[in-house]
Amino acid sequence: MSKKAAVPTTGAEDRVVLFQEKSIRRVWQNKEWWFAVTDVVAALTDSQDARQYIKKMRSRDPQLDANWGTTCTPLPLLAPDGKVRATNCANTEGIFRIIQSIPSPKAEPFKRWLAQVGYERVKEIEDPELASARARELYEAKSYPKDWIEKRMRAIAIRGALTDEWKARGVAEGREYSILTAEIARATFGVTPGDHKKLKGLAQAKTANLRDHMTDLELIFTMLGEAGTTEIAKRKDAQGFDDNHQAAKEGGTVAGNARKELEARTGVPVVSRQNYLASSEATSAEIGVTLFVETQTDALTPSVAEKPKTRKRVAAKTAKAIADLRSKKK
């Protein structure tokens, strides 16, 4: 197993999954999921100090200890403090081996869960519509309006086309992608992504995805900037970082000029403080709703094939219950 760390490329919503209400971080690497070993151990043992448990576990199992360097691979994962750190991860095979050394009644349910989450990702790669449907369900569970969800899904598709183009044209994933993305955003909106997040009150929420908090117009101009960049890169046959950096500036400028024209005619700035999750209380509520929907779905539906329908049904009932409670308060 390679020791080279790769920047996580899946969406933020994919980097944490739940097993019996316990969060487990993961990253897609070499066409398979890799899971944070400390998170798995914490979920199976309820240990307050997973690292200490791992030390004792390795001392009890000399064979596991001897092969620890091949079982685990340090990969970059988001830590609780919001910083990305190299974290010992293992793929499904490695996690199964670690589970053998953990005397826990949760071991068998966890094995089934592990096989299931891996299967879902493989099926999504074979049929991208499954990934799209799952994303829609998650946004619906968070009570986003349907018309906003459609724009967000289109923005995701346009973003995917852009990153595919960058990859084919020799742009390195990770830092170079981030620089080009920031260049497009700055030219489009006249502010850096960091300042945009501050405006929306997201400065402290380091794991928050700015696009999940954008207004309809902000999403539309984001799509224009990135679609324009893709088209310019193709037309100019941009190769490498420097050429694509210039294409990013030009694509963002196209969107920026359109934004300025709209602002001149309406007198209203496009960049807005409006935020679908405007307060920490709302953020906590959203997290709670999402966790409830996912855990109820897991409890009610052991079948992977039936899970999307169950998730949608639970999300709809949850949204209705929340709406009823809000109407009673008024």
C-alpha atoms as a PDB file:
ATOM      1  CA  MET A   1       0.000   0.000   0.000  1.00  0.00           C
ATOM      2  CA  SER A   2       1.333   3.382  -1.015  1.00  0.00           C
ATOM      3  CA  LYS A   3       2.395   5.890   1.610  1.00  0.00           C
ATOM      4  CA  LYS A   4       1.846   8.872  -0.670  1.00  0.00           C
ATOM      5  CA  ALA A   5      -0.868  11.155   0.658  1.00  0.00           C
ATOM      6  CA  ALA A   6      -3.397  12.492  -1.813  1.00  0.00           C
ATOM      7  CA  VAL A   7      -5.686  15.452  -1.404  1.00  0.00           C
ATOM      8  CA  PRO A   8      -9.262  14.254  -0.889  1.00  0.00           C
ATOM      9  CA  THR A   9     -11.209  14.680  -4.141  1.00  0.00           C
ATOM     10  CA  THR A  10     -14.709  13.602  -3.113  1.00  0.00           C
ATOM     11  CA  GLY A  11     -17.300  16.078  -2.031  1.00  0.00           C
ATOM     12  CA  ALA A  12     -17.323  17.265   1.563  1.00  0.00           C
ATOM     13  CA  GLU A  13     -20.578  15.473   2.207  1.00  0.00           C
ATOM     14  CA  ASP A  14     -18.851  12.201   1.251  1.00  0.00           C
ATOM     15  CA  ARG A  15     -15.919  12.508   3.637  1.00  0.00           C
ATOM     16  CA  VAL A  16     -17.860  11.596   6.773  1.00  0.00           C
ATOM     17  CA  VAL A  17     -20.237   8.644   7.107  1.00  0.00           C
ATOM     18  CA  LEU A  18     -22.192   7.388  10.082  1.00  0.00           C
ATOM     19  CA  PHE A  19     -22.161   4.028  11.807  1.00  0.00           C
ATOM     20  CA  GLN A  20     -24.715   3.882  14.619  1.00  0.00           C
ATOM     21  CA  GLU A  21     -24.513   7.680  15.063  1.00  0.00           C
ATOM     22  CA  LYS A  22     -20.699   7.622  15.171  1.00  0.00           C
ATOM     23  CA  SER A  23     -18.880   9.743  12.579  1.00  0.00           C
ATOM     24  CA  ILE A  24     -16.207   7.991  10.534  1.00  0.00           C
ATOM     25  CA  ARG A  25     -13.988  10.021   8.213  1.00  0.00           C
ATOM     26  CA  ARG A  26     -13.020   8.535   4.872  1.00  0.00           C
ATOM     27  CA  VAL A  27     -11.251   9.440   1.621  1.00  0.00           C
ATOM     28  CA  TRP A  28     -11.499   8.002  -1.877  1.00  0.00           C
ATOM     29  CA  GLN A  29      -7.998   6.819  -2.868  1.00  0.00           C
ATOM     30  CA  ASN A  30      -6.893   4.433  -5.620  1.00  0.00           C
ATOM     31  CA  LYS A  31     -10.513   3.609  -6.562  1.00  0.00           C
ATOM     32  CA  GLU A  32     -11.562   2.527  -3.055  1.00  0.00           C
ATOM     33  CA  TRP A  33     -12.567   4.009   0.295  1.00  0.00           C
ATOM     34  CA  TRP A  34      -9.973   4.445   3.043  1.00  0.00           C
ATOM     35  CA  PHE A  35     -11.300   4.957   6.578  1.00  0.00           C
ATOM     36  CA  ALA A  36      -9.735   6.727   9.569  1.00  0.00           C
ATOM     37  CA  VAL A  37      -8.565   3.951  11.886  1.00  0.00           C
ATOM     38  CA  THR A  38      -9.064   6.011  15.064  1.00  0.00           C
ATOM     39  CA  ASP A  39     -12.684   6.729  14.081  1.00  0.00           C
ATOM     40  CA  VAL A  40     -13.378   3.041  13.436  1.00  0.00           C
ATOM     41  CA  VAL A  41     -11.863   2.024  16.771  1.00  0.00           C
ATOM     42  CA  ALA A  42     -13.833   4.729  18.592  1.00  0.00           C
ATOM     43  CA  ALA A  43     -17.067   3.558  16.953  1.00  0.00           C
ATOM     44  CA  LEU A  44     -16.505  -0.085  17.852  1.00  0.00           C
ATOM     45  CA  THR A  45     -15.173   0.341  21.383  1.00  0.00           C
ATOM     46  CA  ASP A  46     -16.726   3.591  22.662  1.00  0.00           C
ATOM     47  CA  SER A  47     -13.206   4.352  23.862  1.00  0.00           C
ATOM     48  CA  GLN A  48     -12.523   7.893  25.074  1.00  0.00           C
ATOM     49  CA  ASP A  49      -8.924   7.579  23.838  1.00  0.00           C
ATOM     50  CA  ALA A  50      -8.869   5.617  20.574  1.00  0.00           C
ATOM     51  CA  ARG A  51      -5.128   6.145  20.079  1.00  0.00           C
ATOM     52  CA  GLN A  52      -4.355   4.585  23.452  1.00  0.00           C
ATOM     53  CA  TYR A  53      -6.673   1.675  22.655  1.00  0.00           C
ATOM     54  CA  ILE A  54      -4.824   1.140  19.361  1.00  0.00           C
ATOM     55  CA  LYS A  55      -1.474   0.989  21.193  1.00  0.00           C
ATOM     56  CA  LYS A  56      -2.798  -1.696  23.565  1.00  0.00           C
ATOM     57  CA  MET A  57      -4.447  -3.547  20.683  1.00  0.00           C
ATOM     58  CA  ARG A  58      -1.161  -3.697  18.774  1.00  0.00           C
ATOM     59  CA  SER A  59       0.686  -4.943  21.847  1.00  0.00           C
ATOM     60  CA  ARG A  60      -1.899  -7.724  22.204  1.00  0.00           C
ATOM     61  CA  ASP A  61      -1.613  -8.710  18.545  1.00  0.00           C
ATOM     62  CA  PRO A  62       2.073  -8.951  17.493  1.00  0.00           C
ATOM     63  CA  GLN A  63       1.175 -10.002  13.949  1.00  0.00           C
ATOM     64  CA  LEU A  64      -1.016  -6.950  13.438  1.00  0.00           C
ATOM     65  CA  ASP A  65       1.694  -4.769  14.963  1.00  0.00           C
ATOM     66  CA  ALA A  66       4.353  -6.225  12.640  1.00  0.00           C
ATOM     67  CA  ASN A  67       2.204  -5.458   9.582  1.00  0.00           C
ATOM     68  CA  TRP A  68       0.858  -2.112  10.798  1.00  0.00           C
ATOM     69  CA  GLY A  69       2.872  -0.165   8.224  1.00  0.00           C
ATOM     70  CA  THR A  70       1.258  -2.065   5.349  1.00  0.00           C
ATOM     71  CA  THR A  71      -2.211  -2.207   6.909  1.00  0.00           C
ATOM     72  CA  CYS A  72      -2.392   1.565   7.438  1.00  0.00           C
ATOM     73  CA  THR A  73      -1.532   4.440   5.124  1.00  0.00           C
ATOM     74  CA  PRO A  74      -1.284   8.113   6.234  1.00  0.00           C
ATOM     75  CA  LEU A  75      -3.779  10.135   4.177  1.00  0.00           C
ATOM     76  CA  PRO A  76      -4.927  13.760   4.562  1.00  0.00           C
ATOM     77  CA  LEU A  77      -8.205  14.061   6.460  1.00  0.00           C
ATOM     78  CA  LEU A  78      -9.969  16.982   8.064  1.00  0.00           C
ATOM     79  CA  ALA A  79      -9.314  16.986  11.830  1.00  0.00           C
ATOM     80  CA  PRO A  80     -11.886  18.189  14.409  1.00  0.00           C
ATOM     81  CA  ASP A  81     -10.041  21.531  14.651  1.00  0.00           C
ATOM     82  CA  GLY A  82     -10.674  22.177  10.952  1.00  0.00           C
ATOM     83  CA  LYS A  83      -7.111  21.509   9.790  1.00  0.00           C
ATOM     84  CA  VAL A  84      -6.127  18.812   7.295  1.00  0.00           C
ATOM     85  CA  ARG A  85      -3.678  16.340   8.809  1.00  0.00           C
ATOM     86  CA  ALA A  86      -2.102  13.051   7.772  1.00  0.00           C
ATOM     87  CA  THR A  87      -4.229  10.390   9.455  1.00  0.00           C
ATOM     88  CA  ASN A  88      -3.712   6.630   9.564  1.00  0.00           C
ATOM     89  CA  CYS A  89      -6.298   5.099   7.237  1.00  0.00           C
ATOM     90  CA  ALA A  90      -7.031   1.574   6.059  1.00  0.00           C
ATOM     91  CA  ASN A  91      -9.031   0.212   3.166  1.00  0.00           C
ATOM     92  CA  THR A  92     -11.801  -2.346   3.617  1.00  0.00           C
ATOM     93  CA  GLU A  93      -9.332  -5.243   3.745  1.00  0.00           C
ATOM     94  CA  GLY A  94      -7.206  -3.480   6.354  1.00  0.00           C
ATOM     95  CA  ILE A  95     -10.194  -2.522   8.484  1.00  0.00           C
ATOM     96  CA  PHE A  96     -11.409  -6.141   8.464  1.00  0.00           C
ATOM     97  CA  ARG A  97      -7.992  -7.198   9.791  1.00  0.00           C
ATOM     98  CA  ILE A  98      -8.085  -4.562  12.540  1.00  0.00           C
ATOM     99  CA  ILE A  99     -11.602  -5.611  13.545  1.00  0.00           C
ATOM    100  CA  GLN A 100     -10.282  -9.117  14.246  1.00  0.00           C
ATOM    101  CA  SER A 101      -8.352  -7.646  17.176  1.00  0.00           C
ATOM    102  CA  ILE A 102     -11.320  -5.796  18.655  1.00  0.00           C
ATOM    103  CA  PRO A 103     -13.642  -7.869  20.871  1.00  0.00           C
ATOM    104  CA  SER A 104     -16.847  -5.950  20.219  1.00  0.00           C
ATOM    105  CA  PRO A 105     -20.493  -6.971  19.683  1.00  0.00           C
ATOM    106  CA  LYS A 106     -20.582  -4.263  17.024  1.00  0.00           C
ATOM    107  CA  ALA A 107     -18.015  -6.066  14.863  1.00  0.00           C
ATOM    108  CA  GLU A 108     -20.476  -8.018  12.702  1.00  0.00           C
ATOM    109  CA  PRO A 109     -22.890  -5.103  12.111  1.00  0.00           C
ATOM    110  CA  PHE A 110     -19.852  -2.954  11.267  1.00  0.00           C
ATOM    111  CA  LYS A 111     -18.619  -5.487   8.693  1.00  0.00           C
ATOM    112  CA  ARG A 112     -21.998  -5.394   6.953  1.00  0.00           C
ATOM    113  CA  TRP A 113     -22.005  -1.596   7.080  1.00  0.00           C
ATOM    114  CA  LEU A 114     -18.465  -1.449   5.693  1.00  0.00           C
ATOM    115  CA  ALA A 115     -19.347  -3.684   2.767  1.00  0.00           C
ATOM    116  CA  GLN A 116     -22.452  -1.590   2.103  1.00  0.00           C
ATOM    117  CA  VAL A 117     -20.748   1.829   1.949  1.00  0.00           C
ATOM    118  CA  GLY A 118     -18.101   0.424  -0.346  1.00  0.00           C
ATOM    119  CA  TYR A 119     -20.734  -1.106  -2.606  1.00  0.00           C
ATOM    120  CA  GLU A 120     -22.669   2.155  -2.823  1.00  0.00           C
ATOM    121  CA  ARG A 121     -19.588   4.055  -4.016  1.00  0.00           C
ATOM    122  CA  VAL A 122     -18.762   1.431  -6.656  1.00  0.00           C
ATOM    123  CA  LYS A 123     -22.353   1.546  -7.955  1.00  0.00           C
ATOM    124  CA  GLU A 124     -22.208   5.358  -8.083  1.00  0.00           C
ATOM    125  CA  ILE A 125     -19.083   5.189 -10.241  1.00  0.00           C
ATOM    126  CA  GLU A 126     -20.807   2.727 -12.578  1.00  0.00           C
ATOM    127  CA  ASP A 127     -23.960   4.860 -12.655  1.00  0.00           C
ATOM    128  CA  PRO A 128     -23.329   8.579 -11.831  1.00  0.00           C
ATOM    129  CA  GLU A 129     -27.092   9.134 -11.618  1.00  0.00           C
ATOM    130  CA  LEU A 130     -27.057   7.301  -8.264  1.00  0.00           C
ATOM    131  CA  ALA A 131     -24.583   9.828  -6.837  1.00  0.00           C
ATOM    132  CA  SER A 132     -26.697  12.663  -8.193  1.00  0.00           C
ATOM    133  CA  ALA A 133     -29.852  11.206  -6.649  1.00  0.00           C
ATOM    134  CA  ARG A 134     -28.153  10.782  -3.276  1.00  0.00           C
ATOM    135  CA  ALA A 135     -26.951  14.400  -3.318  1.00  0.00           C
ATOM    136  CA  ARG A 136     -30.472  15.603  -4.119  1.00  0.00           C
ATOM    137  CA  GLU A 137     -31.869  13.588  -1.217  1.00  0.00           C
ATOM    138  CA  LEU A 138     -29.349  15.072   1.205  1.00  0.00           C
ATOM    139  CA  TYR A 139     -30.195  18.634   0.137  1.00  0.00           C
ATOM    140  CA  GLU A 140     -33.909  17.857   0.417  1.00  0.00           C
ATOM    141  CA  ALA A 141     -33.294  16.522   3.925  1.00  0.00           C
ATOM    142  CA  LYS A 142     -31.690  19.867   4.769  1.00  0.00           C
ATOM    143  CA  SER A 143     -34.854  21.660   3.557  1.00  0.00           C
ATOM    144  CA  TYR A 144     -33.322  23.424   0.569  1.00  0.00           C
ATOM    145  CA  PRO A 145     -35.890  24.588  -2.046  1.00  0.00           C
ATOM    146  CA  LYS A 146     -36.221  22.309  -5.072  1.00  0.00           C
ATOM    147  CA  ASP A 147     -35.346  25.025  -7.602  1.00  0.00           C
ATOM    148  CA  TRP A 148     -32.159  25.823  -5.626  1.00  0.00           C
ATOM    149  CA  ILE A 149     -31.266  22.105  -5.549  1.00  0.00           C
ATOM    150  CA  GLU A 150     -31.529  21.891  -9.340  1.00  0.00           C
ATOM    151  CA  LYS A 151     -29.168  24.833  -9.731  1.00  0.00           C
ATOM    152  CA  ARG A 152     -26.755  23.316  -7.225  1.00  0.00           C
ATOM    153  CA  MET A 153     -26.776  19.980  -9.046  1.00  0.00           C
ATOM    154  CA  ARG A 154     -26.104  21.743 -12.353  1.00  0.00           C
ATOM    155  CA  ALA A 155     -23.260  23.669 -10.709  1.00  0.00           C
ATOM    156  CA  ILE A 156     -21.761  20.378  -9.524  1.00  0.00           C
ATOM    157  CA  ALA A 157     -21.898  18.995 -13.065  1.00  0.00           C
ATOM    158  CA  ILE A 158     -20.237  22.113 -14.514  1.00  0.00           C
ATOM    159  CA  ARG A 159     -17.561  21.975 -11.825  1.00  0.00           C
ATOM    160  CA  GLY A 160     -16.917  18.325 -12.682  1.00  0.00           C
ATOM    161  CA  ALA A 161     -16.494  19.167 -16.367  1.00  0.00           C
ATOM    162  CA  LEU A 162     -14.002  21.901 -15.456  1.00  0.00           C
ATOM    163  CA  THR A 163     -11.865  19.704 -13.199  1.00  0.00           C
ATOM    164  CA  ASP A 164     -11.898  16.948 -15.850  1.00  0.00           C
ATOM    165  CA  GLU A 165     -10.579  19.508 -18.332  1.00  0.00           C
ATOM    166  CA  TRP A 166      -7.894  20.657 -15.896  1.00  0.00           C
ATOM    167  CA  LYS A 167      -6.792  17.099 -15.286  1.00  0.00           C
ATOM    168  CA  ALA A 168      -6.540  16.399 -19.016  1.00  0.00           C
ATOM    169  CA  ARG A 169      -4.547  19.619 -19.522  1.00  0.00           C
ATOM    170  CA  GLY A 170      -1.863  18.907 -16.938  1.00  0.00           C
ATOM    171  CA  VAL A 171      -3.098  20.891 -13.935  1.00  0.00           C
ATOM    172  CA  ALA A 172      -2.126  19.213 -10.662  1.00  0.00           C
ATOM    173  CA  GLU A 173      -4.953  18.284  -8.291  1.00  0.00           C
ATOM    174  CA  GLY A 174      -4.952  19.949  -4.903  1.00  0.00           C
ATOM    175  CA  ARG A 175      -3.117  23.271  -4.596  1.00  0.00           C
ATOM    176  CA  GLU A 176      -3.256  24.203  -8.294  1.00  0.00           C
ATOM    177  CA  TYR A 177      -6.986  23.416  -8.472  1.00  0.00           C
ATOM    178  CA  SER A 178      -7.518  25.634  -5.421  1.00  0.00           C
ATOM    179  CA  ILE A 179      -5.554  28.535  -6.919  1.00  0.00           C
ATOM    180  CA  LEU A 180      -7.470  28.391 -10.210  1.00  0.00           C
ATOM    181  CA  THR A 181     -10.818  28.083  -8.419  1.00  0.00           C
ATOM    182  CA  ALA A 182     -10.026  31.130  -6.284  1.00  0.00           C
ATOM    183  CA  GLU A 183      -8.966  33.069  -9.401  1.00  0.00           C
ATOM    184  CA  ILE A 184     -12.297  32.381 -11.117  1.00  0.00           C
ATOM    185  CA  ALA A 185     -14.251  33.301  -7.971  1.00  0.00           C
ATOM    186  CA  ARG A 186     -12.313  36.528  -7.409  1.00  0.00           C
ATOM    187  CA  ALA A 187     -12.856  37.661 -11.015  1.00  0.00           C
ATOM    188  CA  THR A 188     -16.522  36.648 -10.876  1.00  0.00           C
ATOM    189  CA  PHE A 189     -17.526  38.233  -7.576  1.00  0.00           C
ATOM    190  CA  GLY A 190     -14.848  40.831  -6.889  1.00  0.00           C
ATOM    191  CA  VAL A 191     -14.015  39.165  -3.548  1.00  0.00           C
ATOM    192  CA  THR A 192     -11.905  36.178  -2.565  1.00  0.00           C
ATOM    193  CA  PRO A 193     -13.673  32.965  -1.508  1.00  0.00           C
ATOM    194  CA  GLY A 194     -12.399  33.612   2.035  1.00  0.00           C
ATOM    195  CA  ASP A 195     -13.982  37.059   2.169  1.00  0.00           C
ATOM    196  CA  HIS A 196     -17.148  35.661   0.615  1.00  0.00           C
ATOM    197  CA  LYS A 197     -17.367  33.117   3.438  1.00  0.00           C
ATOM    198  CA  LYS A 198     -16.801  35.841   6.046  1.00  0.00           C
ATOM    199  CA  LEU A 199     -19.629  37.874   4.538  1.00  0.00           C
ATOM    200  CA  LYS A 200     -21.952  34.913   5.014  1.00  0.00           C
ATOM    201  CA  GLY A 201     -20.787  34.266   8.567  1.00  0.00           C
ATOM    202  CA  LEU A 202     -18.943  31.075   7.646  1.00  0.00           C
ATOM    203  CA  ALA A 203     -15.449  32.127   8.672  1.00  0.00           C
ATOM    204  CA  GLN A 204     -15.461  29.879  11.747  1.00  0.00           C
ATOM    205  CA  ALA A 205     -17.148  26.966   9.954  1.00  0.00           C
ATOM    206  CA  LYS A 206     -13.994  25.723   8.248  1.00  0.00           C
ATOM    207  CA  THR A 207     -15.652  22.596   6.867  1.00  0.00           C
ATOM    208  CA  ALA A 208     -18.577  24.536   5.362  1.00  0.00           C
ATOM    209  CA  ASN A 209     -18.887  24.492   1.583  1.00  0.00           C
ATOM    210  CA  LEU A 210     -19.444  28.093   0.432  1.00  0.00           C
ATOM    211  CA  ARG A 211     -21.516  26.928  -2.537  1.00  0.00           C
ATOM    212  CA  ASP A 212     -24.008  25.235  -0.240  1.00  0.00           C
ATOM    213  CA  HIS A 213     -24.746  28.682   1.203  1.00  0.00           C
ATOM    214  CA  MET A 214     -25.003  30.662  -2.025  1.00  0.00           C
ATOM    215  CA  THR A 215     -28.102  32.391  -3.332  1.00  0.00           C
ATOM    216  CA  ASP A 216     -29.583  31.471  -6.710  1.00  0.00           C
ATOM    217  CA  LEU A 217     -27.754  34.346  -8.430  1.00  0.00           C
ATOM    218  CA  GLU A 218     -24.437  33.507  -6.793  1.00  0.00           C
ATOM    219  CA  LEU A 219     -24.769  29.929  -8.036  1.00  0.00           C
ATOM    220  CA  ILE A 220     -25.671  31.115 -11.541  1.00  0.00           C
ATOM    221  CA  PHE A 221     -22.639  33.392 -11.791  1.00  0.00           C
ATOM    222  CA  THR A 222     -20.411  30.651 -10.344  1.00  0.00           C
ATOM    223  CA  MET A 223     -21.617  28.350 -13.118  1.00  0.00           C
ATOM    224  CA  LEU A 224     -21.009  31.036 -15.752  1.00  0.00           C
ATOM    225  CA  GLY A 225     -17.443  31.648 -14.541  1.00  0.00           C
ATOM    226  CA  GLU A 226     -16.539  27.959 -14.491  1.00  0.00           C
ATOM    227  CA  ALA A 227     -18.320  27.065 -17.745  1.00  0.00           C
ATOM    228  CA  GLY A 228     -16.644  30.045 -19.414  1.00  0.00           C
ATOM    229  CA  THR A 229     -13.247  28.929 -18.133  1.00  0.00           C
ATOM    230  CA  THR A 230     -13.804  25.423 -19.507  1.00  0.00           C
ATOM    231  CA  GLU A 231     -14.746  26.753 -22.924  1.00  0.00           C
ATOM    232  CA  ILE A 232     -11.798  29.192 -23.080  1.00  0.00           C
ATOM    233  CA  ALA A 233      -9.344  26.445 -22.041  1.00  0.00           C
ATOM    234  CA  LYS A 234     -10.665  24.248 -24.839  1.00  0.00           C
ATOM    235  CA  ARG A 235     -10.604  26.991 -27.480  1.00  0.00           C
ATOM    236  CA  LYS A 236      -7.059  28.066 -26.602  1.00  0.00           C
ATOM    237  CA  ASP A 237      -5.871  24.502 -25.972  1.00  0.00           C
ATOM    238  CA  ALA A 238      -4.481  25.638 -22.610  1.00  0.00           C
ATOM    239  CA  GLN A 239      -1.733  23.344 -21.322  1.00  0.00           C
ATOM    240  CA  GLY A 240      -0.262  23.299 -17.820  1.00  0.00           C
ATOM    241  CA  PHE A 241      -0.896  25.595 -14.887  1.00  0.00           C
ATOM    242  CA  ASP A 242       0.126  28.948 -16.430  1.00  0.00           C
ATOM    243  CA  ASP A 243      -2.081  28.637 -19.517  1.00  0.00           C
ATOM    244  CA  ASN A 244      -5.038  27.480 -17.428  1.00  0.00           C
ATOM    245  CA  HIS A 245      -4.439  30.255 -14.909  1.00  0.00           C
ATOM    246  CA  GLN A 246      -4.909  32.781 -17.724  1.00  0.00           C
ATOM    247  CA  ALA A 247      -8.049  30.930 -18.884  1.00  0.00           C
ATOM    248  CA  ALA A 248      -9.394  31.072 -15.313  1.00  0.00           C
ATOM    249  CA  LYS A 249      -8.878  34.837 -15.198  1.00  0.00           C
ATOM    250  CA  GLU A 250     -10.653  35.283 -18.516  1.00  0.00           C
ATOM    251  CA  GLY A 251     -13.529  32.958 -17.655  1.00  0.00           C
ATOM    252  CA  GLY A 252     -14.049  34.659 -14.324  1.00  0.00           C
ATOM    253  CA  THR A 253     -13.907  38.070 -15.982  1.00  0.00           C
ATOM    254  CA  VAL A 254     -16.712  37.095 -18.373  1.00  0.00           C
ATOM    255  CA  ALA A 255     -18.909  36.237 -15.380  1.00  0.00           C
ATOM    256  CA  GLY A 256     -17.704  39.298 -13.483  1.00  0.00           C
ATOM    257  CA  ASN A 257     -18.676  41.643 -16.307  1.00  0.00           C
ATOM    258  CA  ALA A 258     -22.126  40.053 -16.496  1.00  0.00           C
ATOM    259  CA  ARG A 259     -22.504  40.465 -12.728  1.00  0.00           C
ATOM    260  CA  LYS A 260     -21.545  44.152 -12.908  1.00  0.00           C
ATOM    261  CA  GLU A 261     -24.055  44.737 -15.725  1.00  0.00           C
ATOM    262  CA  LEU A 262     -26.844  43.164 -13.679  1.00  0.00           C
ATOM    263  CA  GLU A 263     -25.893  45.158 -10.581  1.00  0.00           C
ATOM    264  CA  ALA A 264     -25.876  48.386 -12.619  1.00  0.00           C
ATOM    265  CA  ARG A 265     -29.401  47.699 -13.868  1.00  0.00           C
ATOM    266  CA  THR A 266     -30.902  46.500 -10.577  1.00  0.00           C
ATOM    267  CA  GLY A 267     -28.913  48.530  -8.065  1.00  0.00           C
ATOM    268  CA  VAL A 268     -28.568  45.402  -5.914  1.00  0.00           C
ATOM    269  CA  PRO A 269     -25.222  43.622  -5.325  1.00  0.00           C
ATOM    270  CA  VAL A 270     -25.101  39.951  -6.309  1.00  0.00           C
ATOM    271  CA  VAL A 271     -22.709  38.988  -3.503  1.00  0.00           C
ATOM    272  CA  SER A 272     -25.040  38.611  -0.564  1.00  0.00           C
ATOM    273  CA  ARG A 273     -25.026  38.007   3.164  1.00  0.00           C
ATOM    274  CA  GLN A 274     -28.006  35.702   2.640  1.00  0.00           C
ATOM    275  CA  ASN A 275     -27.178  32.249   3.911  1.00  0.00           C
ATOM    276  CA  TYR A 276     -29.307  29.118   4.023  1.00  0.00           C
ATOM    277  CA  LEU A 277     -27.720  28.271   7.374  1.00  0.00           C
ATOM    278  CA  ALA A 278     -27.404  31.695   8.889  1.00  0.00           C
ATOM    279  CA  SER A 279     -26.736  30.851  12.524  1.00  0.00           C
ATOM    280  CA  SER A 280     -24.887  28.290  14.590  1.00  0.00           C
ATOM    281  CA  GLU A 281     -28.246  27.166  15.943  1.00  0.00           C
ATOM    282  CA  ALA A 282     -29.486  26.522  12.414  1.00  0.00           C
ATOM    283  CA  THR A 283     -26.286  24.666  11.599  1.00  0.00           C
ATOM    284  CA  SER A 284     -26.765  22.402  14.606  1.00  0.00           C
ATOM    285  CA  ALA A 285     -30.385  21.827  13.613  1.00  0.00           C
ATOM    286  CA  GLU A 286     -29.343  20.931  10.073  1.00  0.00           C
ATOM    287  CA  ILE A 287     -26.756  18.466  11.354  1.00  0.00           C
ATOM    288  CA  GLY A 288     -29.338  16.941  13.659  1.00  0.00           C
ATOM    289  CA  VAL A 289     -31.870  16.524  10.855  1.00  0.00           C
ATOM    290  CA  THR A 290     -29.288  14.951   8.557  1.00  0.00           C
ATOM    291  CA  LEU A 291     -28.109  12.522  11.237  1.00  0.00           C
ATOM    292  CA  PHE A 292     -31.694  11.577  12.065  1.00  0.00           C
ATOM    293  CA  VAL A 293     -32.586  10.910   8.427  1.00  0.00           C
ATOM    294  CA  GLU A 294     -29.487   8.795   7.833  1.00  0.00           C
ATOM    295  CA  THR A 295     -29.768   6.737  11.021  1.00  0.00           C
ATOM    296  CA  GLN A 296     -33.488   6.121  10.468  1.00  0.00           C
ATOM    297  CA  THR A 297     -32.799   5.086   6.894  1.00  0.00           C
ATOM    298  CA  ASP A 298     -30.134   2.628   8.028  1.00  0.00           C
ATOM    299  CA  ALA A 299     -32.430   1.224  10.712  1.00  0.00           C
ATOM    300  CA  LEU A 300     -35.439   0.794   8.423  1.00  0.00           C
ATOM    301  CA  THR A 301     -33.730  -0.468   5.267  1.00  0.00           C
ATOM    302  CA  PRO A 302     -31.024  -3.135   5.244  1.00  0.00           C
ATOM    303  CA  SER A 303     -31.272  -3.356   1.445  1.00  0.00           C
ATOM    304  CA  VAL A 304     -28.944  -1.025  -0.477  1.00  0.00           C
ATOM    305  CA  ALA A 305     -31.341  -0.947  -3.429  1.00  0.00           C
ATOM    306  CA  GLU A 306     -34.244   0.288  -1.289  1.00  0.00           C
ATOM    307  CA  LYS A 307     -32.253   2.838   0.708  1.00  0.00           C
ATOM    308  CA  PRO A 308     -32.793   5.860  -1.624  1.00  0.00           C
ATOM    309  CA  LYS A 309     -36.590   5.443  -1.479  1.00  0.00           C
ATOM    310  CA  THR A 310     -36.539   5.058   2.301  1.00  0.00           C
ATOM    311  CA  ARG A 311     -34.241   8.072   2.745  1.00  0.00           C
ATOM    312  CA  LYS A 312     -36.557  10.201   0.614  1.00  0.00           C
ATOM    313  CA  ARG A 313     -39.623   9.058   2.591  1.00  0.00           C
ATOM    314  CA  VAL A 314     -37.963   9.728   5.951  1.00  0.00           C
ATOM    315  CA  ALA A 315     -36.669  13.113   4.776  1.00  0.00           C
ATOM    316  CA  ALA A 316     -40.151  14.129   3.585  1.00  0.00           C
ATOM    317  CA  LYS A 317     -41.765  13.148   6.893  1.00  0.00           C
ATOM    318  CA  THR A 318     -39.032  14.916   8.851  1.00  0.00           C
ATOM    319  CA  ALA A 319     -39.403  18.102   6.793  1.00  0.00           C
ATOM    320  CA  LYS A 320     -43.185  18.037   7.305  1.00  0.00           C
ATOM    321  CA  ALA A 321     -42.794  17.555  11.054  1.00  0.00           C
ATOM    322  CA  ILE A 322     -40.390  20.508  11.236  1.00  0.00           C
ATOM    323  CA  ALA A 323     -42.737  22.673   9.163  1.00  0.00           C
ATOM    324  CA  ASP A 324     -45.662  21.757  11.430  1.00  0.00           C
ATOM    325  CA  LEU A 325     -43.662  22.685  14.520  1.00  0.00           C
ATOM    326  CA  ARG A 326     -42.674  26.025  12.997  1.00  0.00           C
ATOM    327  CA  SER A 327     -46.267  26.839  12.054  1.00  0.00           C
ATOM    328  CA  LYS A 328     -47.417  26.135  15.616  1.00  0.00           C
ATOM    329  CA  LYS A 329     -44.828  28.577  16.971  1.00  0.00           C
ATOM    330  CA  LYS A 330     -46.164  31.413  14.799  1.00  0.00           C
END
